[in-house]
Protein backbone atom coordinates (compact mmCIF):
# COMPACT_ATOMS: atom_id res chain seq x y z
CA MET A 1 -16.92 6.69 -32.94
CA ALA A 2 -15.28 9.09 -31.32
CA VAL A 3 -12.18 10.46 -33.24
CA PRO A 4 -8.98 11.95 -31.32
CA ARG A 5 -8.68 15.27 -31.06
CA ASP A 6 -5.02 15.15 -32.81
CA HIS A 7 -7.19 15.13 -35.91
CA ALA A 8 -6.15 11.71 -37.66
CA PRO A 9 -7.45 10.95 -41.26
CA ILE A 10 -10.68 10.25 -41.43
CA SER A 11 -9.82 7.26 -44.21
CA PHE A 12 -9.68 4.96 -41.10
CA VAL A 13 -12.65 5.90 -40.17
CA VAL A 14 -14.76 4.57 -43.16
CA GLY A 15 -12.18 2.06 -43.39
CA LEU A 16 -13.13 -0.01 -40.26
CA LYS A 17 -16.95 -0.60 -41.29
CA SER A 18 -15.20 -1.61 -44.70
CA GLN A 19 -16.44 -5.25 -46.28
CA ASP A 20 -12.92 -6.03 -47.13
CA ALA A 21 -11.40 -7.41 -44.44
CA GLN A 22 -7.82 -6.10 -45.46
CA VAL A 23 -9.07 -2.56 -45.50
CA ARG A 24 -10.70 -3.06 -41.90
CA LYS A 25 -7.38 -4.50 -41.09
CA GLN A 26 -5.13 -1.65 -42.29
CA ALA A 27 -7.52 0.49 -40.77
CA GLU A 28 -7.31 -0.85 -37.28
CA ASN A 29 -4.05 -0.43 -37.64
CA THR A 30 -4.16 3.23 -38.17
CA TRP A 31 -6.35 3.58 -35.16
CA ARG A 32 -3.86 1.74 -33.23
CA SER A 33 -0.86 3.70 -33.55
CA HIS A 34 -3.34 7.42 -33.46
CA ALA A 35 -5.26 6.51 -30.58
CA ALA A 36 -2.07 5.43 -28.15
CA ARG A 37 -0.34 9.21 -29.42
CA ALA A 38 -3.86 10.95 -28.66
CA GLY A 39 -4.55 8.48 -25.43
CA HIS A 40 -0.86 9.24 -24.12
CA LYS A 41 -0.86 13.27 -23.90
CA ARG A 42 -4.43 12.47 -21.60
CA ARG A 43 -3.69 9.25 -19.62
CA ALA A 44 -2.99 11.42 -16.30
CA GLU A 45 -5.61 13.24 -16.50
CA VAL A 46 -8.64 10.27 -17.37
CA GLN A 47 -7.16 8.87 -14.23
CA THR A 48 -8.29 11.91 -12.54
CA LYS A 49 -11.17 12.27 -13.74
CA THR A 50 -12.19 8.30 -13.60
CA THR A 51 -10.74 8.50 -9.60
CA ARG A 52 -13.13 11.50 -8.83
CA GLY A 53 -16.33 9.63 -10.04
CA PHE A 54 -15.22 6.51 -7.78
CA ARG A 55 -15.74 8.57 -4.65
CA ASN A 56 -20.03 8.20 -4.91
CA PHE A 57 -19.94 4.90 -5.70
CA TYR A 58 -21.18 3.77 -2.12
CA CYS A 59 -23.52 6.29 -2.19
CA ILE A 60 -24.54 7.34 -5.88
CA GLY A 61 -28.34 7.59 -6.33
CA THR A 62 -29.10 6.71 -2.59
CA MET A 63 -33.24 7.41 -3.34
CA GLN A 64 -32.93 5.59 -6.79
CA SER A 65 -33.31 2.28 -7.97
CA ASN A 66 -30.81 -0.05 -8.13
CA SER A 67 -31.11 -0.40 -11.77
CA THR A 68 -30.99 3.72 -12.12
CA ARG A 69 -27.72 3.63 -9.91
CA ASP A 70 -26.21 1.24 -12.11
CA GLU A 71 -26.98 3.56 -15.60
CA ALA A 72 -25.50 6.45 -13.11
CA ALA A 73 -22.48 5.16 -12.31
CA HIS A 74 -21.75 3.59 -15.71
CA GLU A 75 -21.99 7.26 -16.55
CA THR A 76 -19.83 8.67 -14.14
CA TYR A 77 -17.42 6.16 -15.18
CA LYS A 78 -17.61 7.08 -18.59
CA LYS A 79 -17.15 10.89 -18.45
CA GLY A 80 -13.59 10.19 -17.49
CA ARG A 81 -13.33 7.87 -20.54
CA LYS A 82 -14.87 10.30 -23.45
CA GLU A 83 -11.14 12.55 -23.80
CA ALA A 84 -9.22 9.24 -24.33
CA ALA A 85 -11.46 7.48 -27.22
CA TYR A 86 -12.94 5.00 -25.12
CA LYS A 87 -16.14 3.90 -27.23
CA ASN A 88 -16.23 1.23 -29.64
CA PHE A 89 -15.13 0.82 -32.84
CA ASP A 90 -18.73 -0.07 -33.96
CA SER A 91 -21.28 0.91 -31.36
CA ASP A 92 -23.90 -0.11 -32.87
CA SER A 93 -22.61 -3.83 -32.56
CA SER A 94 -21.90 -3.91 -28.80
CA SER A 95 -24.30 -6.19 -27.00
CA SER A 96 -22.52 -5.91 -23.65
CA ASP A 97 -24.47 -3.70 -20.61
CA SER A 98 -20.68 -2.84 -19.92
CA PRO A 99 -19.23 0.16 -21.04
CA PHE A 100 -16.01 -1.70 -21.03
CA SER A 101 -16.92 -4.86 -22.80
CA ARG A 102 -14.75 -3.57 -25.81
CA PHE A 103 -11.50 -1.32 -25.22
CA PRO A 104 -9.54 0.05 -27.54
CA LEU A 105 -6.41 -1.89 -28.81
CA SER A 106 -3.85 0.92 -27.83
CA GLU A 107 -4.84 0.77 -23.51
CA THR A 108 -5.54 -2.87 -23.10
CA ILE A 109 -2.49 -5.97 -22.36
CA TRP A 110 -2.62 -8.20 -24.87
CA LEU A 111 0.18 -11.60 -24.18
CA THR A 112 0.72 -13.65 -27.00
CA THR A 113 1.30 -17.49 -25.98
CA PRO A 114 2.70 -20.22 -27.38
CA ASN A 115 -0.49 -22.97 -27.83
CA SER A 116 -2.53 -20.03 -29.06
CA ASP A 117 -3.57 -18.66 -32.41
CA GLY A 118 -3.99 -15.14 -31.77
CA LEU A 119 -4.06 -12.63 -28.99
CA ILE A 120 -6.13 -12.95 -25.61
CA ASP A 121 -6.61 -10.68 -22.71
CA PRO A 122 -4.98 -12.22 -19.74
CA PHE A 123 -7.53 -10.45 -17.34
CA SER A 124 -11.03 -10.79 -19.49
CA THR A 125 -14.00 -11.49 -16.78
CA SER A 126 -15.14 -14.19 -19.40
CA LEU A 127 -12.19 -16.96 -19.17
CA SER A 128 -12.60 -20.34 -17.67
CA LEU A 129 -12.50 -21.39 -14.37
CA GLN A 130 -8.73 -23.22 -14.76
CA ARG A 131 -7.40 -19.84 -16.94
CA LYS A 132 -8.83 -17.68 -13.53
CA THR A 133 -6.65 -20.10 -11.34
CA ASP A 134 -3.45 -19.81 -13.73
CA LEU A 135 -3.90 -16.11 -13.61
CA LEU A 136 -3.93 -15.97 -9.44
CA LEU A 137 -1.23 -18.26 -8.74
CA LYS A 138 0.69 -16.65 -11.49
CA PHE A 139 0.09 -12.84 -10.70
CA TYR A 140 -0.93 -12.86 -7.47
CA ALA A 141 -0.31 -16.08 -5.30
CA GLY A 142 3.23 -15.93 -6.32
CA PRO A 143 4.66 -12.99 -6.74
CA TYR A 144 2.68 -10.78 -3.96
CA VAL A 145 2.13 -13.31 -1.42
CA ASP A 146 5.92 -14.66 -1.42
CA LYS A 147 6.84 -10.92 -0.17
CA LEU A 148 3.63 -10.95 2.37
CA TYR A 149 4.97 -14.17 4.41
CA TRP A 150 8.34 -15.19 5.26
CA SER A 151 7.14 -19.41 5.56
CA LYS A 152 6.14 -21.32 2.89
CA ASP A 153 3.28 -22.89 5.85
CA PHE A 154 1.70 -19.54 5.89
CA ILE A 155 2.20 -18.94 2.22
CA ASN A 156 0.52 -22.26 1.89
CA GLU A 157 -2.59 -21.74 4.34
CA TYR A 158 -3.46 -18.07 3.09
CA ASN A 159 -3.71 -19.93 -0.40
CA SER A 160 -5.61 -22.48 0.47
CA HIS A 161 -8.02 -20.14 1.77
CA MET A 162 -7.76 -17.30 -0.39
CA LEU A 163 -7.85 -18.64 -4.11
CA PRO A 164 -10.81 -20.84 -3.60
CA LEU A 165 -13.17 -17.84 -2.30
CA ALA A 166 -11.86 -15.37 -5.10
CA LEU A 167 -12.80 -17.98 -7.45
CA GLN A 168 -16.71 -18.70 -6.13
CA HIS A 169 -16.66 -15.00 -5.50
CA PRO A 170 -15.98 -12.30 -8.96
CA VAL A 171 -16.43 -9.39 -6.59
CA LEU A 172 -12.99 -11.15 -4.52
CA PHE A 173 -11.58 -12.00 -8.03
CA ASN A 174 -11.96 -8.65 -9.51
CA ALA A 175 -10.13 -6.73 -6.18
CA ILE A 176 -7.58 -9.40 -6.29
CA ILE A 177 -6.45 -8.70 -9.91
CA TYR A 178 -6.53 -4.88 -9.17
CA LYS A 179 -4.34 -5.50 -6.49
CA ALA A 180 -1.79 -7.81 -8.47
CA LEU A 181 -1.89 -5.28 -11.69
CA ILE A 182 -1.29 -2.02 -8.93
CA GLU A 183 1.69 -4.50 -7.21
CA PHE A 184 3.16 -4.61 -11.38
CA ARG A 185 2.72 -1.48 -11.95
CA LEU A 186 4.74 -0.21 -8.49
CA ALA A 187 7.49 -2.72 -9.51
CA GLY A 188 7.92 -1.42 -13.04
CA GLY A 189 8.07 -4.63 -14.42
CA SER A 190 6.15 -6.18 -17.51
CA ILE A 191 3.35 -8.70 -16.08
CA ALA A 192 4.47 -11.66 -16.71
CA LYS A 193 8.64 -12.76 -17.34
CA ASP A 194 7.02 -16.04 -18.93
CA THR A 195 5.31 -14.64 -21.77
CA THR A 196 5.66 -11.57 -23.81
CA PRO A 197 4.22 -8.26 -23.64
CA MET A 198 3.04 -7.04 -27.10
CA CYS A 199 1.53 -3.71 -26.19
CA ILE A 200 0.16 -2.36 -29.11
CA GLY A 201 1.06 1.56 -29.46
CA HIS A 202 4.02 1.61 -26.68
CA HIS A 203 7.45 0.07 -26.38
CA ALA A 204 6.76 -2.89 -23.38
CA GLU A 205 9.05 -0.95 -20.88
CA THR A 206 7.36 1.73 -20.93
CA ARG A 207 3.72 0.82 -20.51
CA VAL A 208 1.41 1.48 -17.57
CA SER A 209 -1.74 -0.71 -16.94
CA THR A 210 -3.91 2.30 -15.72
CA HIS A 211 -6.92 1.99 -17.53
CA ASP A 212 -6.58 -2.43 -17.15
CA PHE A 213 -6.57 -2.22 -13.22
CA LEU A 214 -9.33 0.94 -12.98
CA TYR A 215 -11.36 -1.55 -15.19
CA TYR A 216 -11.15 -3.82 -11.99
CA LYS A 217 -11.68 -1.35 -9.73
CA TYR A 218 -14.81 -0.58 -11.50
CA HIS A 219 -16.41 -3.86 -11.26
CA ALA A 220 -15.26 -4.59 -7.57
CA LEU A 221 -17.01 -1.28 -6.68
CA GLN A 222 -19.92 -1.89 -8.35
CA SER A 223 -20.35 -5.57 -6.75
CA LEU A 224 -19.86 -4.05 -3.40
CA ARG A 225 -21.96 -0.82 -3.71
CA LYS A 226 -25.19 -3.30 -4.71
CA ARG A 227 -24.14 -5.39 -1.70
CA LEU A 228 -24.04 -3.11 0.73
CA ASP A 229 -27.34 -1.52 -0.14
CA ALA A 230 -30.26 -2.20 2.53
CA ALA A 231 -32.05 -4.14 0.31
CA PHE A 232 -29.23 -6.19 -0.36
CA ALA A 233 -27.35 -6.63 3.13
CA LYS A 234 -28.30 -10.40 3.47
CA THR A 235 -26.33 -10.65 0.40
CA ALA A 236 -23.35 -9.54 2.38
CA ASP A 237 -20.43 -11.68 3.17
CA VAL A 238 -16.79 -12.50 4.10
CA ALA A 239 -15.62 -12.48 0.15
CA CYS A 240 -17.55 -8.35 0.49
CA ALA A 241 -14.85 -7.95 3.62
CA LEU A 242 -11.85 -9.24 1.94
CA ALA A 243 -12.27 -7.25 -1.41
CA LEU A 244 -12.96 -4.15 0.56
CA LEU A 245 -9.57 -4.98 2.43
CA PHE A 246 -8.22 -5.57 -0.87
CA LEU A 247 -9.51 -2.12 -2.14
CA ILE A 248 -8.14 -0.36 1.27
CA ARG A 249 -4.78 -1.86 0.59
CA ASN A 250 -4.66 -0.27 -2.96
CA GLU A 251 -5.29 2.81 -2.17
CA ILE A 252 -2.41 2.47 0.34
CA MET A 253 -0.42 1.83 -2.22
CA ALA A 254 -1.42 4.26 -4.74
CA GLY A 255 -4.48 5.88 -4.06
CA THR A 256 -5.78 8.95 -2.31
CA VAL A 257 -7.02 9.56 1.56
CA VAL A 258 -10.33 10.71 0.02
CA GLU A 259 -11.05 6.92 -1.21
CA LEU A 260 -9.26 5.75 1.63
CA ARG A 261 -11.90 7.32 4.00
CA MET A 262 -15.27 5.69 1.37
CA HIS A 263 -13.10 2.41 1.87
CA LEU A 264 -13.63 2.77 5.96
CA CYS A 265 -16.69 3.79 6.23
CA ALA A 266 -17.76 1.17 4.02
CA MET A 267 -15.98 -1.39 6.11
CA ARG A 268 -17.84 0.34 9.13
CA ARG A 269 -21.49 -0.75 7.08
CA LEU A 270 -20.47 -4.13 6.88
CA ILE A 271 -19.20 -4.12 10.42
CA GLY A 272 -22.64 -2.94 11.27
CA MET A 273 -24.25 -5.79 8.91
CA GLY A 274 -22.41 -8.78 11.49
CA ILE A 275 -19.89 -9.51 9.18
CA GLU A 276 -17.20 -11.30 11.45
CA LEU A 277 -13.46 -11.85 9.99
CA GLU A 278 -12.69 -13.67 13.39
CA MET A 279 -13.80 -17.64 11.58
CA LEU A 280 -10.90 -17.11 8.88
CA PRO A 281 -7.54 -18.67 9.34
CA PRO A 282 -4.60 -16.33 11.18
CA THR A 283 -2.33 -15.68 8.01
CA ILE A 284 -5.82 -13.90 6.73
CA HIS A 285 -7.28 -12.91 9.64
CA ALA A 286 -4.38 -10.81 11.61
CA PRO A 287 -2.43 -8.87 8.11
CA CYS A 288 -6.78 -7.80 7.56
CA LEU A 289 -6.48 -6.28 11.03
CA LEU A 290 -2.75 -4.28 10.28
CA ALA A 291 -4.20 -3.17 7.02
CA VAL A 292 -7.83 -1.62 8.71
CA ASN A 293 -5.22 -0.01 11.59
CA LEU A 294 -2.66 1.41 8.78
CA ALA A 295 -5.78 2.78 6.66
CA CYS A 296 -7.18 4.32 9.82
CA PHE A 297 -3.54 5.72 10.74
CA LEU A 298 -3.46 7.43 8.05
CA CYS A 299 -6.84 8.91 7.96
CA ARG A 300 -6.56 9.70 11.47
CA GLU A 301 -9.48 7.80 12.35
CA ILE A 302 -10.31 5.14 14.97
CA PRO A 303 -9.53 1.75 13.99
CA PRO A 304 -13.52 0.00 13.91
CA LEU A 305 -12.07 -3.60 14.37
CA LYS A 306 -11.38 -4.06 17.69
CA PRO A 307 -8.29 -7.26 18.50
CA SER A 308 -9.23 -9.92 19.76
CA PRO A 309 -7.70 -10.94 23.40
CA VAL A 310 -4.13 -11.89 22.52
CA GLN A 311 -3.95 -15.60 23.50
CA GLU A 312 0.07 -15.15 24.54
CA SER A 313 -0.11 -18.69 26.93
CA GLU A 314 -0.85 -20.86 23.47
CA LEU A 315 2.43 -20.15 22.54
CA SER A 316 5.04 -23.06 22.23
CA LEU A 317 7.50 -23.63 24.95
CA GLY A 318 10.46 -23.20 22.19
CA THR A 319 8.74 -20.00 20.94
CA ALA A 320 8.54 -18.58 24.49
CA ALA A 321 12.24 -19.13 25.00
CA MET A 322 13.08 -17.88 22.07
CA LEU A 323 11.34 -14.44 22.34
CA GLN A 324 12.59 -14.37 25.79
CA ASP A 325 16.01 -15.21 25.12
CA CYS A 326 17.15 -13.87 22.13
CA PRO A 327 20.17 -15.40 20.11
CA LEU A 328 20.69 -12.66 17.79
CA ALA A 329 22.71 -10.22 19.02
CA GLY A 330 20.93 -6.94 17.48
CA LEU A 331 17.82 -7.64 18.85
CA SER A 332 18.67 -7.99 22.49
CA ARG A 333 18.43 -4.74 23.29
CA LEU A 334 15.17 -3.91 21.31
CA GLY A 335 13.34 -1.05 23.87
CA GLU A 336 16.29 -0.29 26.38
CA GLY A 337 15.92 3.24 25.02
CA PHE A 338 12.15 3.64 26.50
CA LEU A 339 13.22 2.14 30.15
CA GLU A 340 15.67 5.27 30.66
CA PRO A 341 13.92 7.04 33.45
CA SER A 342 14.33 10.58 32.21
CA VAL A 343 12.42 8.91 28.72
CA SER A 344 9.75 6.91 30.80
CA LYS A 345 8.90 9.79 33.13
CA LYS A 346 8.15 12.14 29.76
CA LEU A 347 6.17 9.54 27.52
CA GLY A 348 4.27 7.79 30.73
CA PRO A 349 2.94 4.13 30.91
CA LYS A 350 -0.42 4.52 28.89
CA LEU A 351 2.10 5.01 25.70
CA LEU A 352 4.22 2.23 26.16
CA SER A 353 2.05 -0.18 27.88
CA TYR A 354 2.46 -2.45 24.74
CA LEU A 355 6.19 -2.06 23.89
CA GLN A 356 6.66 -5.19 25.06
CA TRP A 357 4.40 -6.97 22.49
CA GLN A 358 5.97 -4.55 19.75
CA ILE A 359 9.45 -5.83 20.78
CA ASN A 360 7.78 -9.53 20.25
CA PHE A 361 6.77 -9.48 16.82
CA VAL A 362 10.00 -7.92 15.71
CA LYS A 363 11.89 -10.60 17.72
CA TYR A 364 9.46 -13.39 16.11
CA LYS A 365 9.54 -11.76 12.56
CA GLU A 366 13.61 -11.89 12.72
CA LEU A 367 14.57 -15.14 14.03
CA CYS A 368 11.47 -16.51 11.46
CA VAL A 369 13.67 -14.86 8.25
CA ALA A 370 17.13 -16.30 10.29
CA GLY A 371 15.84 -19.92 10.18
CA PHE A 372 15.67 -20.17 13.89
CA MET A 373 11.94 -20.44 14.03
CA PRO A 374 11.13 -23.74 10.98
CA ASN A 375 8.88 -25.43 13.21
CA THR A 376 6.40 -22.43 13.70
CA THR A 377 2.96 -22.78 12.61
CA PRO A 378 0.18 -20.43 11.60
CA GLN A 379 -1.55 -20.25 14.72
CA GLU A 380 2.02 -19.15 16.52
CA PHE A 381 1.56 -16.57 13.77
CA GLY A 382 -1.90 -15.49 14.46
CA ILE A 383 -0.81 -14.91 18.02
CA VAL A 384 2.22 -13.19 18.10
CA THR A 385 0.50 -11.04 14.73
CA SER A 386 -2.25 -9.93 17.12
CA MET A 387 0.50 -8.83 20.02
CA ILE A 388 0.99 -5.96 17.14
CA CYS A 389 -2.52 -5.38 16.39
CA GLN A 390 -3.52 -4.92 19.82
CA ALA A 391 -0.50 -2.24 20.29
CA ASP A 392 -1.09 -0.27 17.30
CA TYR A 393 -5.04 -0.19 18.04
CA HIS A 394 -3.91 1.24 21.57
CA LEU A 395 -1.89 3.70 20.14
CA LEU A 396 -4.38 4.66 17.39
CA CYS A 397 -7.18 5.51 20.45
CA LEU A 398 -3.89 7.46 22.70
CA PRO A 399 -5.11 11.04 21.11
CA PHE A 400 -9.01 10.70 21.03
CA LEU A 401 -8.58 9.24 24.47
CA SER A 402 -6.18 11.22 26.45
CA THR A 403 -4.33 14.88 25.89
CA LEU A 404 -0.84 13.77 24.42
CA THR A 405 2.40 15.95 25.00
CA PRO A 406 4.22 17.09 21.62
CA LEU A 407 6.60 14.38 22.10
CA GLN A 408 4.94 11.84 22.72
CA ASP A 409 2.75 12.41 19.62
CA VAL A 410 5.98 11.76 18.34
CA VAL A 411 6.54 8.80 19.59
CA ARG A 412 3.38 7.53 18.53
CA LEU A 413 3.38 8.02 15.63
CA THR A 414 7.21 6.62 14.95
CA LEU A 415 6.32 3.51 16.71
CA LEU A 416 3.44 2.87 14.44
CA ILE A 417 5.27 3.69 11.18
CA ALA A 418 8.08 1.36 13.01
CA ASP A 419 5.47 -1.88 13.41
CA VAL A 420 4.60 -0.88 9.94
CA ALA A 421 7.92 -1.37 9.03
CA SER A 422 8.99 -4.80 10.85
CA PHE A 423 6.33 -6.56 9.43
CA GLY A 424 6.07 -5.68 5.73
CA GLY A 425 8.82 -2.71 5.15
CA LEU A 426 7.89 0.57 4.09
CA PRO A 427 7.83 1.32 0.58
CA SER A 428 8.83 4.25 -0.94
CA ARG A 429 6.99 7.00 -2.57
CA THR A 430 3.28 5.60 -1.96
CA THR A 431 0.78 6.83 -0.23
CA MET A 432 1.76 5.49 2.68
CA ALA A 433 4.91 6.93 2.77
CA ARG A 434 3.72 10.27 1.78
CA ALA A 435 1.19 10.23 4.62
CA MET A 436 3.28 9.15 7.36
CA SER A 437 6.36 11.15 6.56
CA SER A 438 3.69 14.35 6.64
CA GLN A 439 2.17 13.36 10.07
CA LEU A 440 5.36 12.80 11.52
CA LYS A 441 7.31 15.77 10.22
CA ARG A 442 3.83 17.89 11.45
CA ALA A 443 4.13 16.25 15.00
CA MET A 444 7.71 16.99 15.21
CA LEU A 445 7.32 21.03 14.37
CA ASP A 446 4.59 21.10 17.28
CA SER A 447 7.02 19.63 19.71
CA ASP A 448 9.32 22.89 19.17
CA LEU A 449 11.83 21.33 18.41
CA PRO A 450 14.15 24.29 18.85
CA ALA A 451 13.46 24.74 21.90
CA LEU A 452 13.59 20.96 23.22
CA TRP A 453 17.37 21.03 21.42
CA LYS A 454 18.33 23.71 23.52
CA ILE A 455 17.04 21.41 26.53
CA GLU A 456 17.22 17.83 25.52
CA THR A 457 19.42 15.30 27.58
CA ARG A 458 21.28 12.76 25.77
CA GLU A 459 18.48 10.01 26.14
CA ILE A 460 15.71 12.62 24.66
CA ALA A 461 18.01 13.01 22.12
CA GLU A 462 18.72 9.83 21.43
CA VAL A 463 14.78 9.10 20.83
CA LEU A 464 14.33 12.17 18.39
CA PHE A 465 17.50 10.65 16.67
CA TRP A 466 15.23 7.40 16.07
CA ALA A 467 12.39 9.48 15.26
CA CYS A 468 14.20 10.84 12.97
CA PHE A 469 15.99 8.63 11.34
CA VAL A 470 12.55 6.61 10.97
CA GLY A 471 11.28 9.79 9.11
CA ALA A 472 14.34 9.87 6.80
CA HIS A 473 13.50 6.05 5.99
CA VAL A 474 9.88 6.63 5.24
CA SER A 475 10.81 9.70 3.37
CA VAL A 476 12.31 8.58 0.67
CA GLY A 477 11.37 10.47 -2.39
CA CYS A 478 8.97 12.30 -0.46
CA LYS A 479 9.34 16.33 -0.32
CA GLU A 480 9.79 16.12 3.61
CA ARG A 481 13.09 13.94 3.33
CA PRO A 482 15.74 17.14 2.86
CA TRP A 483 13.72 17.97 6.68
CA PHE A 484 14.31 14.86 8.55
CA ILE A 485 17.94 14.88 6.90
CA VAL A 486 18.73 18.18 8.53
CA GLN A 487 17.32 17.75 11.64
CA LEU A 488 18.98 14.17 11.63
CA VAL A 489 22.94 15.90 11.51
CA ARG A 490 21.91 17.90 14.78
CA ARG A 491 21.05 14.87 16.02
CA MET A 492 24.14 13.51 15.27
CA GLU A 493 26.44 15.90 16.56
CA LYS A 494 24.72 16.07 19.52
CA LEU A 495 25.67 12.48 19.90
CA GLU A 496 28.31 12.49 18.53
CA VAL A 497 27.88 10.07 15.98
CA LYS A 498 29.50 9.35 13.36
CA ASP A 499 29.32 5.92 11.08
CA GLU A 500 27.30 2.91 11.09
CA ARG A 501 28.26 1.61 14.08
CA ASP A 502 27.21 4.39 15.92
CA VAL A 503 24.42 4.78 14.26
CA LEU A 504 23.54 1.50 14.75
CA ASP A 505 24.39 1.60 18.52
CA VAL A 506 21.18 4.14 18.98
CA LEU A 507 19.10 2.91 16.86
CA LEU A 508 18.73 -0.87 17.80
CA ARG A 509 17.94 0.43 21.63
CA PHE A 510 14.56 1.40 20.50
CA ILE A 511 12.62 -0.67 17.82
CA TYR A 512 14.78 -0.73 14.56
CA THR A 513 16.51 -3.67 12.98
CA GLU A 514 19.77 -4.02 11.02
CA ARG A 515 17.79 -5.84 7.77
CA LEU A 516 15.74 -2.82 7.66
CA TYR A 517 18.98 -0.32 7.87
CA ASN A 518 20.21 -2.50 5.25
CA PHE A 519 17.87 -1.77 3.12
CA VAL A 520 18.14 2.83 2.99
CA GLY A 521 20.43 3.20 6.23
CA GLN A 522 23.57 3.48 4.63
CA SER A 523 22.32 5.99 2.19
CA ILE A 524 20.32 8.13 4.69
CA LEU A 525 23.52 8.23 6.64
CA ASP A 526 25.65 8.90 4.08
CA GLU A 527 23.16 11.65 2.96
CA ALA A 528 23.26 13.32 6.33
CA ILE A 529 27.06 13.17 6.65
CA GLU A 530 27.27 15.16 3.24
CA PHE A 531 25.13 17.36 4.36
CA ARG A 532 27.09 18.04 7.55
CA GLU A 533 30.46 18.57 5.43
CA ASP A 534 28.50 20.62 2.87
CA ALA A 535 27.36 23.09 5.92
CA ALA A 536 30.65 22.93 7.44
CA HIS A 537 32.59 24.00 4.52
CA GLU A 538 29.92 26.74 3.49
CA ALA A 539 30.52 27.87 7.04
CA GLN A 540 34.44 28.27 6.53
CA ASN A 541 33.97 29.98 3.02
CA LEU A 542 31.37 32.48 5.16
CA CYS A 543 34.00 32.58 7.91
CA ARG A 544 36.74 33.73 5.29
CA HIS A 545 35.02 35.89 3.32
CA SER A 546 33.78 38.10 6.63
CA VAL A 547 37.46 38.06 7.38
CA THR A 548 39.11 39.44 4.32
CA ARG A 549 36.36 42.11 4.21
């Protein structure tokens, strides 16, 4: 048994192996409190080491046997656990092959339920089928899927296909539970409102389920690596592809670009094996394409999945009429700013060739949310979403197929960010937000803003104002945020923008909506106005100081 570095009394080590139940219980309580203190200090270090070990999961021991590779993978993972005392209380009594069969009580979420006599692990892989179904419905299908879709019909179709697959394939179940834990961790809440978290050694409101979701990440990656092996190529199926897509989504939200590239490489290998996702229902297929496109955006790669042709003619007459004559006043002018002669000339026809499809998706989403399309079907959702998939695929391929001017690259990146915001929002302080804000800032610096600022027309200034505002939106909590605010203030002075009405008047002429503005728009405007007032006040003080001298 490994004793933490913060030397605890040795008496409890002996007590754990005692035959007396009371002595053993007292020793376990001592271990819990001490392991909690020792593990809390090293949690960040352990997570870094285990993550480093995951990067080679798809290629560990390419010339070794599968059993040898499994052992190497286990050893890679265990190296990052030793400093947190991640060994069993009695290693001799462990009969499981997995090093994670028994977690220290200080590092596992336990829930008490009214009908149970003791503590249970809610994410144990040995749970019954009914219990797994309850977990999927309670922790994933409700909290996550409800945020992803804006229609009950879409949610029901998604769940009717995804949940049975997850119950039949452990690789997909592990990936989904990993996704659920990531969502709960990002939300900062407890694991469920109708249960009582009893986090041993920690307060419930400060508990971070780092090691719990690493456990499920490990098992999902292990299964995927086996199925991606040449000897097991025939066992790769749609469930593997969906599990890999869940891992991609997790890295987009709370991972690293390095592991994201690793997952994209695995996705290309799956596609090479003949995996096809077109037979999936549109509520699953379209978000999969968007997730892959977003991952390629962050990694600056060409998407491996080319969208199928858009069947625009299959839209119902009512939906087509709504998209043509939108009843929402704020959406009637979308895209007008790109049609200005001075703007369209600088951007060129290739960049804006799919602009109308992007506008159609924004209109469709906002009309559904506003209740103007109660009878829309999942098939129409798939058609309209394939428009934005096709547009994003085109924008992602442009840098590799042609030479873009700096201004064109700024608009290309801003359009991609706006598409992501239109579909699912822009969660702040995520891997996605950091990578997007960094790429957009670099592109704007390459466009030589000081020189462009002197000669730009009002129309070009509006384009840059829109790009800076989207940059300020996506960079909330990132180091690039102050830079975007400064550039936004300069465009505000150029356009004489003073209040919310002026801001929306500019933004709604491109790809942006009032609903997006309501999230963080007012705070961005307040911050820009405050910065402008502070700068003017400092300029007056400097001028007054120079005169008195």
